[in-house]
């Protein structure tokens, strides 16, 4: 398995497009669960350097996807608070 195959490049391009439009390619829970698995595999060791780097890169991408979802949720909460007015002030 190499990180330079055309499928990976297409996925990376799709992710860049998705992040530009603000909609990650996968949901928060799926990204989180996959990130947990990536971390588990990295911590267990026993993988080649190339596989380790591919896992690390995927983990970074998944972390960014999770952060995008969390930022969107925070934005929606802030917007709802602004629309509801100054409660509890």
N, C-alpha and C. Protein backbone atom coordinates (compact mmCIF):
# COMPACT_ATOMS: atom_id res chain seq x y z
N UNK A 1 0.85 -1.18 0.00
CA UNK A 1 0.00 0.00 0.00
C UNK A 1 0.89 1.24 0.00
N UNK A 2 0.67 2.11 -0.97
CA UNK A 2 1.42 3.36 -1.01
C UNK A 2 0.45 4.52 -0.91
N UNK A 3 0.94 5.65 -0.45
CA UNK A 3 0.07 6.81 -0.31
C UNK A 3 0.03 7.64 -1.58
N UNK A 4 0.65 7.16 -2.64
CA UNK A 4 0.72 7.94 -3.87
C UNK A 4 -0.14 7.38 -4.99
N UNK A 5 -1.07 6.47 -4.69
CA UNK A 5 -1.88 5.93 -5.78
C UNK A 5 -2.93 6.94 -6.20
N UNK A 6 -3.48 6.81 -7.42
CA UNK A 6 -4.44 7.79 -7.94
C UNK A 6 -5.69 7.93 -7.08
N UNK A 7 -6.12 6.85 -6.45
CA UNK A 7 -7.31 6.93 -5.59
C UNK A 7 -7.06 7.88 -4.43
N UNK A 8 -5.88 7.79 -3.80
CA UNK A 8 -5.55 8.69 -2.70
C UNK A 8 -5.51 10.14 -3.17
N UNK A 9 -4.97 10.36 -4.35
CA UNK A 9 -4.89 11.71 -4.88
C UNK A 9 -6.28 12.25 -5.17
N UNK A 10 -7.17 11.40 -5.70
CA UNK A 10 -8.54 11.82 -5.94
C UNK A 10 -9.23 12.14 -4.63
N UNK A 11 -9.03 11.30 -3.62
CA UNK A 11 -9.64 11.54 -2.31
C UNK A 11 -9.14 12.85 -1.71
N UNK A 12 -7.85 13.11 -1.85
CA UNK A 12 -7.27 14.35 -1.33
C UNK A 12 -7.86 15.55 -2.05
N UNK A 13 -8.02 15.45 -3.36
CA UNK A 13 -8.61 16.55 -4.13
C UNK A 13 -10.05 16.77 -3.71
N UNK A 14 -10.79 15.66 -3.51
CA UNK A 14 -12.18 15.76 -3.07
C UNK A 14 -12.25 16.42 -1.69
N UNK A 15 -11.36 16.03 -0.80
CA UNK A 15 -11.35 16.61 0.54
C UNK A 15 -11.07 18.11 0.48
N UNK A 16 -10.14 18.51 -0.37
CA UNK A 16 -9.84 19.94 -0.52
C UNK A 16 -11.07 20.68 -1.04
N UNK A 17 -11.76 20.09 -2.01
CA UNK A 17 -12.97 20.71 -2.54
C UNK A 17 -14.04 20.79 -1.46
N UNK A 18 -14.21 19.71 -0.70
CA UNK A 18 -15.21 19.67 0.35
C UNK A 18 -14.93 20.72 1.42
N UNK A 19 -13.65 20.86 1.80
CA UNK A 19 -13.31 21.84 2.82
C UNK A 19 -13.51 23.26 2.31
N UNK A 20 -13.33 23.47 1.02
CA UNK A 20 -13.58 24.78 0.43
C UNK A 20 -15.05 25.15 0.54
N UNK A 21 -15.94 24.16 0.31
CA UNK A 21 -17.37 24.42 0.38
C UNK A 21 -17.89 24.31 1.80
N UNK A 22 -17.06 23.86 2.75
CA UNK A 22 -17.46 23.78 4.13
C UNK A 22 -18.11 22.47 4.52
N UNK A 23 -18.24 21.53 3.61
CA UNK A 23 -18.89 20.25 3.89
C UNK A 23 -17.87 19.12 3.79
N UNK A 24 -17.40 18.59 4.93
CA UNK A 24 -16.45 17.48 4.89
C UNK A 24 -17.05 16.27 4.17
N UNK A 25 -16.16 15.44 3.62
CA UNK A 25 -16.64 14.30 2.85
C UNK A 25 -17.27 13.21 3.69
N UNK A 26 -16.97 13.18 4.99
CA UNK A 26 -17.59 12.19 5.87
C UNK A 26 -18.09 12.88 7.13
N UNK A 27 -18.98 12.20 7.83
CA UNK A 27 -19.55 12.76 9.04
C UNK A 27 -18.56 12.76 10.20
N UNK A 28 -18.90 13.53 11.22
CA UNK A 28 -18.04 13.66 12.39
C UNK A 28 -17.77 12.31 13.04
N UNK A 29 -18.83 11.55 13.31
CA UNK A 29 -18.68 10.29 14.02
C UNK A 29 -17.81 9.31 13.24
N UNK A 30 -18.01 9.25 11.92
CA UNK A 30 -17.20 8.36 11.09
C UNK A 30 -15.74 8.78 11.12
N UNK A 31 -15.49 10.10 10.99
CA UNK A 31 -14.11 10.60 11.03
C UNK A 31 -13.47 10.33 12.38
N UNK A 32 -14.21 10.55 13.46
CA UNK A 32 -13.70 10.31 14.80
C UNK A 32 -13.35 8.84 15.01
N UNK A 33 -14.26 7.96 14.60
CA UNK A 33 -14.02 6.53 14.77
C UNK A 33 -12.82 6.06 13.96
N UNK A 34 -12.70 6.56 12.73
CA UNK A 34 -11.55 6.19 11.91
C UNK A 34 -10.26 6.74 12.50
N UNK A 35 -10.32 7.95 13.05
CA UNK A 35 -9.14 8.54 13.68
C UNK A 35 -8.70 7.71 14.88
N UNK A 36 -9.64 7.23 15.67
CA UNK A 36 -9.31 6.37 16.81
C UNK A 36 -8.58 5.12 16.31
N UNK A 37 -9.06 4.53 15.22
CA UNK A 37 -8.41 3.34 14.67
C UNK A 37 -7.02 3.66 14.14
N UNK A 38 -6.85 4.80 13.49
CA UNK A 38 -5.53 5.21 12.99
C UNK A 38 -4.56 5.35 14.16
N UNK A 39 -4.98 6.00 15.22
CA UNK A 39 -4.12 6.19 16.40
C UNK A 39 -3.77 4.84 17.01
N UNK A 40 -4.75 3.94 17.11
CA UNK A 40 -4.48 2.60 17.65
C UNK A 40 -3.42 1.89 16.83
N UNK A 41 -3.54 1.97 15.49
CA UNK A 41 -2.57 1.30 14.62
C UNK A 41 -1.19 1.94 14.75
N UNK A 42 -1.13 3.26 14.86
CA UNK A 42 0.16 3.94 15.02
C UNK A 42 0.81 3.56 16.34
N UNK A 43 0.01 3.50 17.39
CA UNK A 43 0.56 3.18 18.71
C UNK A 43 1.01 1.73 18.82
N UNK A 44 0.38 0.85 18.04
CA UNK A 44 0.74 -0.56 18.12
C UNK A 44 2.08 -0.86 17.46
N UNK A 45 2.52 0.02 16.56
CA UNK A 45 3.80 -0.16 15.89
C UNK A 45 3.76 -1.32 14.91
N UNK A 46 4.95 -1.71 14.47
CA UNK A 46 5.05 -2.85 13.58
C UNK A 46 4.71 -2.56 12.13
N UNK A 47 4.56 -1.30 11.76
CA UNK A 47 4.28 -0.96 10.38
C UNK A 47 5.52 -0.35 9.74
N UNK A 48 5.57 -0.44 8.43
CA UNK A 48 6.70 0.14 7.72
C UNK A 48 6.66 1.66 7.82
N UNK A 49 7.76 2.28 7.50
CA UNK A 49 7.81 3.74 7.52
C UNK A 49 6.79 4.33 6.57
N UNK A 50 6.68 3.75 5.37
CA UNK A 50 5.71 4.26 4.38
C UNK A 50 4.29 4.14 4.91
N UNK A 51 3.96 3.01 5.52
CA UNK A 51 2.61 2.84 6.07
C UNK A 51 2.38 3.77 7.25
N UNK A 52 3.40 3.96 8.07
CA UNK A 52 3.28 4.88 9.21
C UNK A 52 3.01 6.30 8.72
N UNK A 53 3.73 6.71 7.70
CA UNK A 53 3.52 8.06 7.16
C UNK A 53 2.12 8.20 6.55
N UNK A 54 1.66 7.17 5.86
CA UNK A 54 0.31 7.21 5.27
C UNK A 54 -0.74 7.29 6.38
N UNK A 55 -0.54 6.52 7.45
CA UNK A 55 -1.47 6.58 8.57
C UNK A 55 -1.45 7.96 9.22
N UNK A 56 -0.27 8.50 9.41
CA UNK A 56 -0.14 9.83 10.02
C UNK A 56 -0.87 10.87 9.18
N UNK A 57 -0.66 10.83 7.86
CA UNK A 57 -1.32 11.79 6.98
C UNK A 57 -2.84 11.64 7.03
N UNK A 58 -3.31 10.40 7.05
CA UNK A 58 -4.76 10.16 7.15
C UNK A 58 -5.27 10.68 8.49
N UNK A 59 -4.51 10.46 9.55
CA UNK A 59 -4.92 10.96 10.85
C UNK A 59 -5.02 12.48 10.88
N UNK A 60 -4.07 13.15 10.25
CA UNK A 60 -4.13 14.61 10.18
C UNK A 60 -5.37 15.07 9.43
N UNK A 61 -5.67 14.40 8.34
CA UNK A 61 -6.85 14.74 7.55
C UNK A 61 -8.12 14.51 8.35
N UNK A 62 -8.19 13.38 9.04
CA UNK A 62 -9.37 13.08 9.86
C UNK A 62 -9.53 14.07 11.00
N UNK A 63 -8.42 14.46 11.62
CA UNK A 63 -8.48 15.47 12.69
C UNK A 63 -9.01 16.79 12.15
N UNK A 64 -8.59 17.15 10.95
CA UNK A 64 -9.08 18.39 10.33
C UNK A 64 -10.57 18.30 10.02
N UNK A 65 -11.02 17.14 9.58
CA UNK A 65 -12.45 16.94 9.31
C UNK A 65 -13.24 17.09 10.60
N UNK A 66 -12.77 16.46 11.67
CA UNK A 66 -13.44 16.59 12.96
C UNK A 66 -13.49 18.04 13.41
N UNK A 67 -12.39 18.74 13.24
CA UNK A 67 -12.35 20.14 13.64
C UNK A 67 -13.32 20.98 12.83
N UNK A 68 -13.45 20.68 11.54
CA UNK A 68 -14.41 21.40 10.69
C UNK A 68 -15.82 21.21 11.21
N UNK A 69 -16.18 19.97 11.55
CA UNK A 69 -17.51 19.71 12.10
C UNK A 69 -17.71 20.44 13.42
N UNK A 70 -16.70 20.40 14.29
CA UNK A 70 -16.82 21.05 15.60
C UNK A 70 -16.92 22.57 15.45
N UNK A 71 -16.15 23.14 14.53
CA UNK A 71 -16.22 24.58 14.28
C UNK A 71 -17.61 24.97 13.77
N UNK A 72 -18.16 24.14 12.89
CA UNK A 72 -19.50 24.39 12.36
C UNK A 72 -20.55 24.34 13.46
N UNK A 73 -20.42 23.37 14.34
CA UNK A 73 -21.36 23.26 15.46
C UNK A 73 -21.25 24.48 16.36
N UNK A 74 -20.02 24.90 16.66
CA UNK A 74 -19.82 26.08 17.50
C UNK A 74 -20.43 27.33 16.85
N UNK A 75 -20.27 27.45 15.55
CA UNK A 75 -20.82 28.58 14.83
C UNK A 75 -22.35 28.60 14.91
N UNK A 76 -22.95 27.43 14.77
CA UNK A 76 -24.41 27.34 14.86
C UNK A 76 -24.90 27.69 16.26
N UNK A 77 -24.18 27.24 17.28
CA UNK A 77 -24.55 27.56 18.66
C UNK A 77 -24.45 29.06 18.89
N UNK A 78 -23.34 29.65 18.45
CA UNK A 78 -23.16 31.10 18.61
C UNK A 78 -24.25 31.88 17.89
N UNK A 79 -24.60 31.44 16.68
CA UNK A 79 -25.64 32.11 15.92
C UNK A 79 -26.99 32.00 16.64
N UNK A 80 -27.30 30.83 17.17
CA UNK A 80 -28.56 30.64 17.90
C UNK A 80 -28.60 31.52 19.13
N UNK A 81 -27.48 31.66 19.82
CA UNK A 81 -27.42 32.52 21.01
C UNK A 81 -27.65 33.97 20.64
N UNK A 82 -27.05 34.41 19.53
CA UNK A 82 -27.22 35.80 19.09
C UNK A 82 -28.69 36.08 18.73
N UNK A 83 -29.32 35.09 18.08
CA UNK A 83 -30.71 35.28 17.65
C UNK A 83 -31.68 35.27 18.83
N UNK A 84 -31.33 34.54 19.90
CA UNK A 84 -32.24 34.44 21.04
C UNK A 84 -32.13 35.64 21.98
N UNK A 85 -31.14 36.46 21.77
CA UNK A 85 -30.99 37.64 22.60
C UNK A 85 -30.17 37.40 23.84
N UNK A 86 -29.95 38.46 24.63
CA UNK A 86 -29.10 38.36 25.82
C UNK A 86 -29.84 37.72 27.00
N UNK A 87 -29.83 36.40 27.07
CA UNK A 87 -30.43 35.71 28.20
C UNK A 87 -29.39 35.50 29.29
N UNK A 88 -29.81 35.59 30.48
CA UNK A 88 -28.94 35.30 31.60
C UNK A 88 -27.84 36.31 31.82
N UNK A 89 -27.93 37.47 31.17
CA UNK A 89 -26.88 38.50 31.36
C UNK A 89 -27.13 39.32 32.56
